[in-house]
Amino acid sequence: MEYDKRAERPHLGHLLEAKPVTTSAFEPFGWIVETGAAGRDANNGTARRHDIHAHPAVEVQAGSRLVTSIFEAKRQQPGISITMLERHVNSIKLIVPLGGEGHVVIVSQAGEDGMPDLSTLAAFSFTASQGMIYRRGLWHHPIMAVGSDASFLVQSWQNGTAADCEILTIEARALG
């Protein structure tokens, strides 16, 4: 294995650079969840409502239930090696940070065979005030808190089968 002397880490042949997330760059993978200028008054003017995306009921698999969880993610070190992806074929998946200093999201579209199309593998930097909704069946790496440990609110529709979370090993890629 070669070493990248600048970063003092193994050179794995595939370097994945995290770029700041934008709505247009993330659109093939899902939707960004954040507040901003958009929105409307709610609760008799005491709150601001920001609708992100409305999901038709037909997108929910029969027999599924909405599962809401809190994930406590450990801070990841720079230069981590990415060796796996997962997907949730039955559901979209909402992930919203409840604090921390930010997180990195790694995503890949599926090819015609349903396996990850690694030519679409992308990494995005999110701030601590940005979350996302993954499209149903999107291949992605698990939550990666950066800067500090962080908690995340996670929601997905699950039916108790293996399809709730499929995991696949991939050739290692260093996150730069």
N, C-alpha and C. Protein backbone atom coordinates (compact mmCIF):
# COMPACT_ATOMS: atom_id res chain seq x y z
N MET A 1 0.85 -1.18 0.00
CA MET A 1 0.00 0.00 0.00
C MET A 1 0.89 1.24 0.00
N GLU A 2 0.62 2.20 -0.86
CA GLU A 2 1.37 3.45 -0.91
C GLU A 2 0.88 4.38 0.19
N TYR A 3 1.70 5.37 0.52
CA TYR A 3 1.28 6.36 1.51
C TYR A 3 1.32 7.75 0.93
N ASP A 4 0.32 8.54 1.26
CA ASP A 4 0.24 9.94 0.89
C ASP A 4 1.03 10.70 1.94
N LYS A 5 2.25 11.12 1.62
CA LYS A 5 3.13 11.75 2.61
C LYS A 5 2.56 13.07 3.14
N ARG A 6 1.79 13.79 2.30
CA ARG A 6 1.23 15.06 2.75
C ARG A 6 0.24 14.85 3.89
N ALA A 7 -0.54 13.81 3.81
CA ALA A 7 -1.59 13.60 4.80
C ALA A 7 -1.25 12.51 5.80
N GLU A 8 -0.10 11.81 5.59
CA GLU A 8 0.29 10.73 6.49
C GLU A 8 -0.80 9.68 6.64
N ARG A 9 -1.37 9.28 5.53
CA ARG A 9 -2.39 8.24 5.56
C ARG A 9 -2.22 7.35 4.34
N PRO A 10 -2.73 6.13 4.40
CA PRO A 10 -2.59 5.23 3.25
C PRO A 10 -3.24 5.83 2.01
N HIS A 11 -2.62 5.60 0.87
CA HIS A 11 -3.20 5.99 -0.42
C HIS A 11 -3.98 4.79 -0.93
N LEU A 12 -5.28 4.88 -1.00
CA LEU A 12 -6.12 3.76 -1.36
C LEU A 12 -6.51 3.75 -2.83
N GLY A 13 -5.98 4.69 -3.61
CA GLY A 13 -6.29 4.71 -5.03
C GLY A 13 -7.52 5.51 -5.38
N HIS A 14 -8.43 5.69 -4.45
CA HIS A 14 -9.66 6.43 -4.68
C HIS A 14 -9.81 7.45 -3.55
N LEU A 15 -9.66 8.72 -3.88
CA LEU A 15 -9.82 9.77 -2.88
C LEU A 15 -11.15 10.45 -3.11
N LEU A 16 -11.96 10.52 -2.08
CA LEU A 16 -13.29 11.11 -2.16
C LEU A 16 -13.25 12.42 -1.38
N GLU A 17 -13.42 13.54 -2.07
CA GLU A 17 -13.38 14.86 -1.45
C GLU A 17 -14.79 15.32 -1.10
N ALA A 18 -15.00 15.73 0.14
CA ALA A 18 -16.30 16.26 0.56
C ALA A 18 -16.42 17.72 0.12
N LYS A 19 -17.51 18.03 -0.57
CA LYS A 19 -17.77 19.38 -1.05
C LYS A 19 -18.95 19.95 -0.28
N PRO A 20 -18.98 21.26 -0.04
CA PRO A 20 -20.14 21.85 0.63
C PRO A 20 -21.42 21.53 -0.15
N VAL A 21 -22.46 21.12 0.57
CA VAL A 21 -23.70 20.71 -0.07
C VAL A 21 -24.44 21.91 -0.64
N THR A 22 -25.05 21.70 -1.81
CA THR A 22 -25.97 22.67 -2.40
C THR A 22 -27.24 21.91 -2.79
N THR A 23 -28.33 22.61 -2.90
CA THR A 23 -29.59 21.98 -3.27
C THR A 23 -29.48 21.29 -4.62
N SER A 24 -28.88 21.95 -5.60
CA SER A 24 -28.81 21.37 -6.94
C SER A 24 -27.87 20.16 -6.99
N ALA A 25 -26.76 20.21 -6.29
CA ALA A 25 -25.83 19.08 -6.31
C ALA A 25 -26.41 17.86 -5.58
N PHE A 26 -27.22 18.08 -4.54
CA PHE A 26 -27.77 16.98 -3.75
C PHE A 26 -29.07 16.43 -4.32
N GLU A 27 -29.72 17.15 -5.23
CA GLU A 27 -31.04 16.78 -5.74
C GLU A 27 -31.13 15.35 -6.27
N PRO A 28 -30.13 14.81 -6.97
CA PRO A 28 -30.26 13.42 -7.44
C PRO A 28 -30.35 12.40 -6.29
N PHE A 29 -29.91 12.81 -5.10
CA PHE A 29 -29.84 11.89 -3.97
C PHE A 29 -30.97 12.11 -2.95
N GLY A 30 -31.56 13.29 -2.95
CA GLY A 30 -32.62 13.59 -1.99
C GLY A 30 -32.81 15.08 -1.81
N TRP A 31 -33.23 15.46 -0.61
CA TRP A 31 -33.58 16.84 -0.31
C TRP A 31 -32.83 17.32 0.93
N ILE A 32 -32.41 18.57 0.90
CA ILE A 32 -31.76 19.18 2.06
C ILE A 32 -32.85 19.68 3.01
N VAL A 33 -32.64 19.49 4.29
CA VAL A 33 -33.57 19.94 5.33
C VAL A 33 -32.89 21.08 6.08
N GLU A 34 -33.42 22.28 5.94
CA GLU A 34 -32.88 23.43 6.66
C GLU A 34 -33.90 24.56 6.67
N THR A 35 -33.72 25.46 7.59
CA THR A 35 -34.58 26.64 7.62
C THR A 35 -33.93 27.71 6.77
N GLY A 36 -34.62 28.81 6.59
CA GLY A 36 -34.10 29.89 5.78
C GLY A 36 -35.19 30.90 5.54
N ALA A 37 -35.05 31.65 4.46
CA ALA A 37 -36.00 32.71 4.16
C ALA A 37 -37.38 32.15 3.78
N ALA A 38 -37.38 30.95 3.21
CA ALA A 38 -38.66 30.36 2.81
C ALA A 38 -39.44 29.94 4.06
N GLY A 39 -40.67 29.64 3.88
CA GLY A 39 -41.50 29.22 5.00
C GLY A 39 -42.70 30.12 5.14
N ARG A 40 -43.51 29.78 6.13
CA ARG A 40 -44.70 30.59 6.37
C ARG A 40 -45.00 30.59 7.87
N ASP A 41 -45.75 31.59 8.29
CA ASP A 41 -46.13 31.67 9.69
C ASP A 41 -47.01 30.48 10.07
N ALA A 42 -46.85 30.04 11.31
CA ALA A 42 -47.65 28.93 11.83
C ALA A 42 -47.91 29.19 13.32
N ASN A 43 -48.77 28.39 13.90
CA ASN A 43 -49.06 28.47 15.34
C ASN A 43 -49.41 29.89 15.78
N ASN A 44 -50.35 30.47 15.05
CA ASN A 44 -50.83 31.81 15.38
C ASN A 44 -49.70 32.85 15.38
N GLY A 45 -48.71 32.65 14.47
CA GLY A 45 -47.63 33.61 14.32
C GLY A 45 -46.48 33.44 15.29
N THR A 46 -46.51 32.40 16.11
CA THR A 46 -45.43 32.21 17.09
C THR A 46 -44.33 31.29 16.57
N ALA A 47 -44.46 30.80 15.33
CA ALA A 47 -43.47 29.89 14.77
C ALA A 47 -43.39 30.09 13.26
N ARG A 48 -42.37 29.57 12.68
CA ARG A 48 -42.17 29.58 11.23
C ARG A 48 -42.16 28.14 10.76
N ARG A 49 -42.97 27.79 9.76
CA ARG A 49 -43.07 26.42 9.25
C ARG A 49 -42.32 26.33 7.93
N HIS A 50 -41.47 25.31 7.82
CA HIS A 50 -40.68 25.06 6.62
C HIS A 50 -40.98 23.66 6.11
N ASP A 51 -41.83 23.54 5.10
CA ASP A 51 -42.12 22.24 4.50
C ASP A 51 -40.98 21.89 3.54
N ILE A 52 -40.44 20.70 3.69
CA ILE A 52 -39.29 20.29 2.89
C ILE A 52 -39.73 19.51 1.66
N HIS A 53 -40.49 18.47 1.87
CA HIS A 53 -40.94 17.63 0.76
C HIS A 53 -42.14 16.82 1.23
N ALA A 54 -43.16 16.75 0.43
CA ALA A 54 -44.34 15.94 0.74
C ALA A 54 -44.23 14.61 0.02
N HIS A 55 -44.35 13.53 0.76
CA HIS A 55 -44.19 12.20 0.20
C HIS A 55 -45.56 11.54 0.08
N PRO A 56 -45.98 11.20 -1.14
CA PRO A 56 -47.28 10.57 -1.32
C PRO A 56 -47.37 9.25 -0.55
N ALA A 57 -48.55 8.93 -0.05
CA ALA A 57 -48.76 7.70 0.71
C ALA A 57 -48.42 6.46 -0.11
N VAL A 58 -48.52 6.54 -1.42
CA VAL A 58 -48.21 5.37 -2.26
C VAL A 58 -46.73 5.01 -2.20
N GLU A 59 -45.87 5.94 -1.72
CA GLU A 59 -44.44 5.66 -1.59
C GLU A 59 -44.14 4.80 -0.36
N VAL A 60 -45.10 4.64 0.53
CA VAL A 60 -44.90 3.85 1.75
C VAL A 60 -45.30 2.40 1.47
N GLN A 61 -44.40 1.47 1.74
CA GLN A 61 -44.67 0.06 1.53
C GLN A 61 -45.76 -0.42 2.49
N ALA A 62 -46.68 -1.22 1.99
CA ALA A 62 -47.73 -1.78 2.83
C ALA A 62 -47.12 -2.57 3.98
N GLY A 63 -47.69 -2.44 5.17
CA GLY A 63 -47.19 -3.16 6.34
C GLY A 63 -46.03 -2.47 7.04
N SER A 64 -45.63 -1.30 6.56
CA SER A 64 -44.53 -0.57 7.19
C SER A 64 -45.03 0.32 8.31
N ARG A 65 -44.12 0.66 9.21
CA ARG A 65 -44.44 1.60 10.28
C ARG A 65 -43.34 2.65 10.33
N LEU A 66 -43.72 3.85 10.72
CA LEU A 66 -42.75 4.93 10.82
C LEU A 66 -41.95 4.74 12.11
N VAL A 67 -40.63 4.60 11.97
CA VAL A 67 -39.74 4.42 13.11
C VAL A 67 -38.94 5.72 13.29
N THR A 68 -39.01 6.28 14.47
CA THR A 68 -38.26 7.49 14.81
C THR A 68 -37.20 7.11 15.83
N SER A 69 -35.94 7.45 15.56
CA SER A 69 -34.82 7.07 16.40
C SER A 69 -33.92 8.27 16.64
N ILE A 70 -33.12 8.18 17.69
CA ILE A 70 -32.03 9.11 17.94
C ILE A 70 -30.74 8.31 17.80
N PHE A 71 -29.86 8.74 16.91
CA PHE A 71 -28.55 8.12 16.74
C PHE A 71 -27.52 9.00 17.42
N GLU A 72 -26.67 8.42 18.23
CA GLU A 72 -25.56 9.14 18.85
C GLU A 72 -24.30 8.75 18.09
N ALA A 73 -23.81 9.65 17.25
CA ALA A 73 -22.69 9.35 16.36
C ALA A 73 -21.38 9.85 16.96
N LYS A 74 -20.38 9.00 16.90
CA LYS A 74 -19.03 9.37 17.34
C LYS A 74 -18.36 10.19 16.25
N ARG A 75 -17.58 11.17 16.67
CA ARG A 75 -16.81 12.00 15.73
C ARG A 75 -15.89 11.10 14.92
N GLN A 76 -15.88 11.31 13.60
CA GLN A 76 -15.00 10.56 12.71
C GLN A 76 -13.73 11.36 12.45
N GLN A 77 -12.63 10.67 12.35
CA GLN A 77 -11.33 11.30 12.10
C GLN A 77 -11.17 11.61 10.60
N PRO A 78 -10.46 12.69 10.27
CA PRO A 78 -10.17 12.96 8.86
C PRO A 78 -9.41 11.80 8.24
N GLY A 79 -9.64 11.54 6.98
CA GLY A 79 -8.93 10.48 6.27
C GLY A 79 -9.49 9.09 6.50
N ILE A 80 -10.69 9.00 7.06
CA ILE A 80 -11.31 7.70 7.30
C ILE A 80 -11.46 6.93 5.98
N SER A 81 -11.37 5.63 6.05
CA SER A 81 -11.55 4.78 4.88
C SER A 81 -13.02 4.35 4.79
N ILE A 82 -13.62 4.58 3.63
CA ILE A 82 -15.02 4.20 3.38
C ILE A 82 -15.00 2.82 2.73
N THR A 83 -15.60 1.83 3.39
CA THR A 83 -15.55 0.46 2.88
C THR A 83 -16.93 -0.18 2.75
N MET A 84 -17.98 0.58 3.05
CA MET A 84 -19.32 0.01 2.95
C MET A 84 -20.35 1.07 2.64
N LEU A 85 -21.46 0.62 2.07
CA LEU A 85 -22.63 1.47 1.84
C LEU A 85 -23.85 0.69 2.30
N GLU A 86 -24.92 1.41 2.57
CA GLU A 86 -26.19 0.77 2.92
C GLU A 86 -27.31 1.47 2.17
N ARG A 87 -28.46 0.80 2.12
CA ARG A 87 -29.63 1.43 1.52
C ARG A 87 -30.88 0.88 2.21
N HIS A 88 -31.97 1.60 2.01
CA HIS A 88 -33.26 1.27 2.61
C HIS A 88 -34.28 1.26 1.47
N VAL A 89 -34.51 0.09 0.89
CA VAL A 89 -35.34 0.01 -0.32
C VAL A 89 -36.81 0.27 -0.06
N ASN A 90 -37.24 0.18 1.19
CA ASN A 90 -38.65 0.38 1.51
C ASN A 90 -39.00 1.83 1.83
N SER A 91 -38.02 2.71 1.92
CA SER A 91 -38.34 4.00 2.52
C SER A 91 -37.39 5.11 2.13
N ILE A 92 -37.93 6.30 2.16
CA ILE A 92 -37.10 7.50 2.26
C ILE A 92 -36.52 7.48 3.67
N LYS A 93 -35.52 8.32 3.94
CA LYS A 93 -34.94 8.37 5.27
C LYS A 93 -34.60 9.82 5.61
N LEU A 94 -35.15 10.29 6.72
CA LEU A 94 -34.89 11.64 7.21
C LEU A 94 -33.79 11.58 8.26
N ILE A 95 -32.78 12.45 8.14
CA ILE A 95 -31.71 12.57 9.13
C ILE A 95 -31.51 14.05 9.41
N VAL A 96 -31.70 14.44 10.69
CA VAL A 96 -31.56 15.84 11.09
C VAL A 96 -30.64 15.90 12.32
N PRO A 97 -29.57 16.71 12.26
CA PRO A 97 -28.69 16.82 13.42
C PRO A 97 -29.39 17.54 14.57
N LEU A 98 -29.09 17.11 15.78
CA LEU A 98 -29.62 17.75 16.99
C LEU A 98 -28.52 18.51 17.71
N GLY A 99 -27.45 18.80 17.03
CA GLY A 99 -26.30 19.50 17.60
C GLY A 99 -25.05 19.09 16.85
N GLY A 100 -23.92 19.25 17.50
CA GLY A 100 -22.64 18.90 16.89
C GLY A 100 -22.07 20.04 16.09
N GLU A 101 -21.06 19.71 15.28
CA GLU A 101 -20.35 20.72 14.50
C GLU A 101 -20.49 20.53 12.99
N GLY A 102 -21.24 19.54 12.58
CA GLY A 102 -21.44 19.26 11.17
C GLY A 102 -21.30 17.77 10.91
N HIS A 103 -21.53 17.38 9.66
CA HIS A 103 -21.43 15.98 9.30
C HIS A 103 -21.15 15.86 7.81
N VAL A 104 -20.62 14.71 7.44
CA VAL A 104 -20.34 14.40 6.04
C VAL A 104 -21.31 13.32 5.59
N VAL A 105 -21.85 13.50 4.41
CA VAL A 105 -22.80 12.56 3.82
C VAL A 105 -22.17 12.00 2.55
N ILE A 106 -22.13 10.67 2.46
CA ILE A 106 -21.58 9.99 1.28
C ILE A 106 -22.71 9.21 0.64
N VAL A 107 -22.93 9.44 -0.65
CA VAL A 107 -24.08 8.87 -1.36
C VAL A 107 -23.67 8.33 -2.73
N SER A 108 -24.47 7.39 -3.22
CA SER A 108 -24.27 6.83 -4.55
C SER A 108 -25.62 6.42 -5.12
N GLN A 109 -25.85 6.76 -6.36
CA GLN A 109 -27.06 6.30 -7.03
C GLN A 109 -26.91 4.81 -7.36
N ALA A 110 -28.02 4.15 -7.56
CA ALA A 110 -28.00 2.73 -7.95
C ALA A 110 -27.91 2.63 -9.47
N GLY A 111 -27.21 1.59 -9.93
CA GLY A 111 -27.17 1.29 -11.35
C GLY A 111 -28.41 0.51 -11.74
N GLU A 112 -28.49 0.13 -13.00
CA GLU A 112 -29.65 -0.62 -13.48
C GLU A 112 -29.82 -1.95 -12.76
N ASP A 113 -28.71 -2.52 -12.25
CA ASP A 113 -28.78 -3.80 -11.53
C ASP A 113 -29.12 -3.63 -10.05
N GLY A 114 -29.33 -2.38 -9.61
CA GLY A 114 -29.66 -2.11 -8.21
C GLY A 114 -28.44 -1.93 -7.31
N MET A 115 -27.27 -2.29 -7.79
CA MET A 115 -26.04 -2.12 -7.02
C MET A 115 -25.57 -0.67 -7.15
N PRO A 116 -24.73 -0.20 -6.21
CA PRO A 116 -24.26 1.19 -6.31
C PRO A 116 -23.50 1.44 -7.62
N ASP A 117 -23.79 2.55 -8.24
CA ASP A 117 -23.03 3.02 -9.39
C ASP A 117 -21.94 3.91 -8.82
N LEU A 118 -20.77 3.34 -8.55
CA LEU A 118 -19.72 4.08 -7.85
C LEU A 118 -19.17 5.25 -8.65
N SER A 119 -19.53 5.36 -9.94
CA SER A 119 -19.15 6.56 -10.70
C SER A 119 -19.94 7.77 -10.21
N THR A 120 -21.04 7.54 -9.48
CA THR A 120 -21.84 8.65 -8.93
C THR A 120 -21.55 8.90 -7.45
N LEU A 121 -20.59 8.16 -6.88
CA LEU A 121 -20.26 8.31 -5.46
C LEU A 121 -19.83 9.74 -5.19
N ALA A 122 -20.46 10.35 -4.19
CA ALA A 122 -20.17 11.76 -3.88
C ALA A 122 -20.19 11.95 -2.37
N ALA A 123 -19.41 12.92 -1.91
CA ALA A 123 -19.37 13.27 -0.49
C ALA A 123 -19.70 14.74 -0.35
N PHE A 124 -20.57 15.05 0.63
CA PHE A 124 -21.00 16.42 0.86
C PHE A 124 -20.78 16.79 2.33
N SER A 125 -20.32 18.01 2.54
CA SER A 125 -20.21 18.56 3.89
C SER A 125 -21.49 19.29 4.23
N PHE A 126 -22.08 18.95 5.37
CA PHE A 126 -23.28 19.60 5.88
C PHE A 126 -22.92 20.35 7.15
N THR A 127 -23.57 21.48 7.39
CA THR A 127 -23.38 22.20 8.65
C THR A 127 -24.23 21.52 9.73
N ALA A 128 -24.05 21.95 10.95
CA ALA A 128 -24.82 21.39 12.07
C ALA A 128 -26.29 21.78 12.00
N SER A 129 -26.65 22.71 11.12
CA SER A 129 -28.05 23.12 10.99
C SER A 129 -28.71 22.55 9.73
N GLN A 130 -28.03 21.64 9.04
CA GLN A 130 -28.57 21.05 7.82
C GLN A 130 -28.75 19.55 7.98
N GLY A 131 -29.89 19.07 7.54
CA GLY A 131 -30.14 17.63 7.49
C GLY A 131 -30.51 17.26 6.07
N MET A 132 -31.00 16.02 5.92
CA MET A 132 -31.36 15.59 4.58
C MET A 132 -32.44 14.53 4.63
N ILE A 133 -33.09 14.35 3.49
CA ILE A 133 -33.99 13.23 3.27
C ILE A 133 -33.41 12.46 2.08
N TYR A 134 -33.03 11.21 2.32
CA TYR A 134 -32.54 10.36 1.24
C TYR A 134 -33.71 9.84 0.43
N ARG A 135 -33.54 9.76 -0.88
CA ARG A 135 -34.53 9.12 -1.73
C ARG A 135 -34.60 7.63 -1.37
N ARG A 136 -35.74 7.04 -1.58
CA ARG A 136 -35.92 5.61 -1.30
C ARG A 136 -34.92 4.79 -2.11
N GLY A 137 -34.24 3.86 -1.43
CA GLY A 137 -33.30 2.97 -2.10
C GLY A 137 -31.93 3.57 -2.38
N LEU A 138 -31.65 4.79 -1.90
CA LEU A 138 -30.36 5.44 -2.16
C LEU A 138 -29.25 4.75 -1.37
N TRP A 139 -28.16 4.41 -2.04
CA TRP A 139 -26.99 3.88 -1.35
C TRP A 139 -26.28 5.03 -0.64
N HIS A 140 -25.89 4.81 0.62
CA HIS A 140 -25.21 5.85 1.39
C HIS A 140 -24.37 5.21 2.48
N HIS A 141 -23.44 5.98 2.98
CA HIS A 141 -22.62 5.56 4.12
C HIS A 141 -23.35 5.98 5.39
N PRO A 142 -23.17 5.26 6.49
CA PRO A 142 -23.81 5.68 7.74
C PRO A 142 -23.39 7.09 8.17
N ILE A 143 -24.13 7.64 9.11
CA ILE A 143 -23.91 8.98 9.63
C ILE A 143 -22.45 9.18 10.03
N MET A 144 -21.87 10.30 9.61
CA MET A 144 -20.48 10.64 9.94
C MET A 144 -20.42 12.03 10.57
N ALA A 145 -20.41 12.07 11.89
CA ALA A 145 -20.24 13.34 12.59
C ALA A 145 -18.79 13.79 12.44
N VAL A 146 -18.57 15.08 12.24
CA VAL A 146 -17.22 15.64 12.16
C VAL A 146 -17.10 16.78 13.17
N GLY A 147 -15.90 16.98 13.67
CA GLY A 147 -15.66 18.06 14.62
C GLY A 147 -15.96 17.67 16.05
N SER A 148 -17.07 16.97 16.28
CA SER A 148 -17.45 16.52 17.62
C SER A 148 -18.48 15.40 17.49
N ASP A 149 -18.69 14.68 18.58
CA ASP A 149 -19.78 13.71 18.61
C ASP A 149 -21.07 14.48 18.39
N ALA A 150 -22.10 13.82 17.87
CA ALA A 150 -23.37 14.50 17.62
C ALA A 150 -24.52 13.51 17.65
N SER A 151 -25.69 14.02 17.98
CA SER A 151 -26.91 13.23 17.94
C SER A 151 -27.73 13.64 16.73
N PHE A 152 -28.46 12.66 16.18
CA PHE A 152 -29.27 12.87 14.98
C PHE A 152 -30.64 12.26 15.18
N LEU A 153 -31.67 12.98 14.75
CA LEU A 153 -33.02 12.44 14.68
C LEU A 153 -33.14 11.74 13.33
N VAL A 154 -33.59 10.47 13.35
CA VAL A 154 -33.69 9.68 12.13
C VAL A 154 -35.10 9.09 12.05
N GLN A 155 -35.72 9.22 10.87
CA GLN A 155 -37.03 8.62 10.64
C GLN A 155 -37.00 7.84 9.33
N SER A 156 -37.60 6.63 9.37
CA SER A 156 -37.76 5.84 8.15
C SER A 156 -38.94 4.90 8.34
N TRP A 157 -39.49 4.46 7.23
CA TRP A 157 -40.57 3.48 7.25
C TRP A 157 -39.93 2.11 7.19
N GLN A 158 -40.31 1.22 8.11
CA GLN A 158 -39.71 -0.10 8.19
C GLN A 158 -40.80 -1.17 8.32
N ASN A 159 -40.52 -2.35 7.73
CA ASN A 159 -41.48 -3.45 7.83
C ASN A 159 -40.91 -4.68 8.51
N GLY A 160 -39.71 -4.57 9.08
CA GLY A 160 -39.12 -5.68 9.82
C GLY A 160 -38.41 -6.72 8.99
N THR A 161 -38.19 -6.43 7.70
CA THR A 161 -37.48 -7.38 6.83
C THR A 161 -36.04 -6.91 6.62
N ALA A 162 -35.24 -7.77 6.00
CA ALA A 162 -33.85 -7.43 5.69
C ALA A 162 -33.75 -6.21 4.77
N ALA A 163 -34.80 -5.94 4.00
CA ALA A 163 -34.79 -4.79 3.09
C ALA A 163 -34.83 -3.46 3.83
N ASP A 164 -35.13 -3.49 5.14
CA ASP A 164 -35.10 -2.25 5.91
C ASP A 164 -33.71 -1.63 5.90
N CYS A 165 -32.66 -2.47 5.84
CA CYS A 165 -31.29 -1.96 5.78
C CYS A 165 -30.40 -3.00 5.12
N GLU A 166 -30.09 -2.78 3.85
CA GLU A 166 -29.17 -3.66 3.12
C GLU A 166 -27.78 -3.05 3.20
N ILE A 167 -26.77 -3.88 3.48
CA ILE A 167 -25.39 -3.42 3.64
C ILE A 167 -24.52 -4.10 2.60
N LEU A 168 -23.60 -3.33 1.99
CA LEU A 168 -22.73 -3.84 0.94
C LEU A 168 -21.31 -3.34 1.17
N THR A 169 -20.33 -4.25 1.10
CA THR A 169 -18.92 -3.88 1.18
C THR A 169 -18.47 -3.36 -0.18
N ILE A 170 -17.71 -2.27 -0.18
CA ILE A 170 -17.16 -1.72 -1.43
C ILE A 170 -15.65 -1.61 -1.31
N GLU A 171 -14.98 -1.42 -2.45
CA GLU A 171 -13.55 -1.19 -2.45
C GLU A 171 -13.26 0.10 -1.67
N ALA A 172 -12.25 0.08 -0.83
CA ALA A 172 -11.95 1.21 0.05
C ALA A 172 -11.67 2.49 -0.72
N ARG A 173 -12.20 3.56 -0.14
CA ARG A 173 -11.96 4.91 -0.63
C ARG A 173 -11.63 5.78 0.57
N ALA A 174 -10.59 6.60 0.43
CA ALA A 174 -10.22 7.50 1.52
C ALA A 174 -11.04 8.78 1.39
N LEU A 175 -11.60 9.22 2.50
CA LEU A 175 -12.31 10.49 2.51
C LEU A 175 -11.30 11.59 2.78
N GLY A 176 -11.16 12.50 1.82
CA GLY A 176 -10.18 13.57 1.94
C GLY A 176 -10.73 14.82 2.54
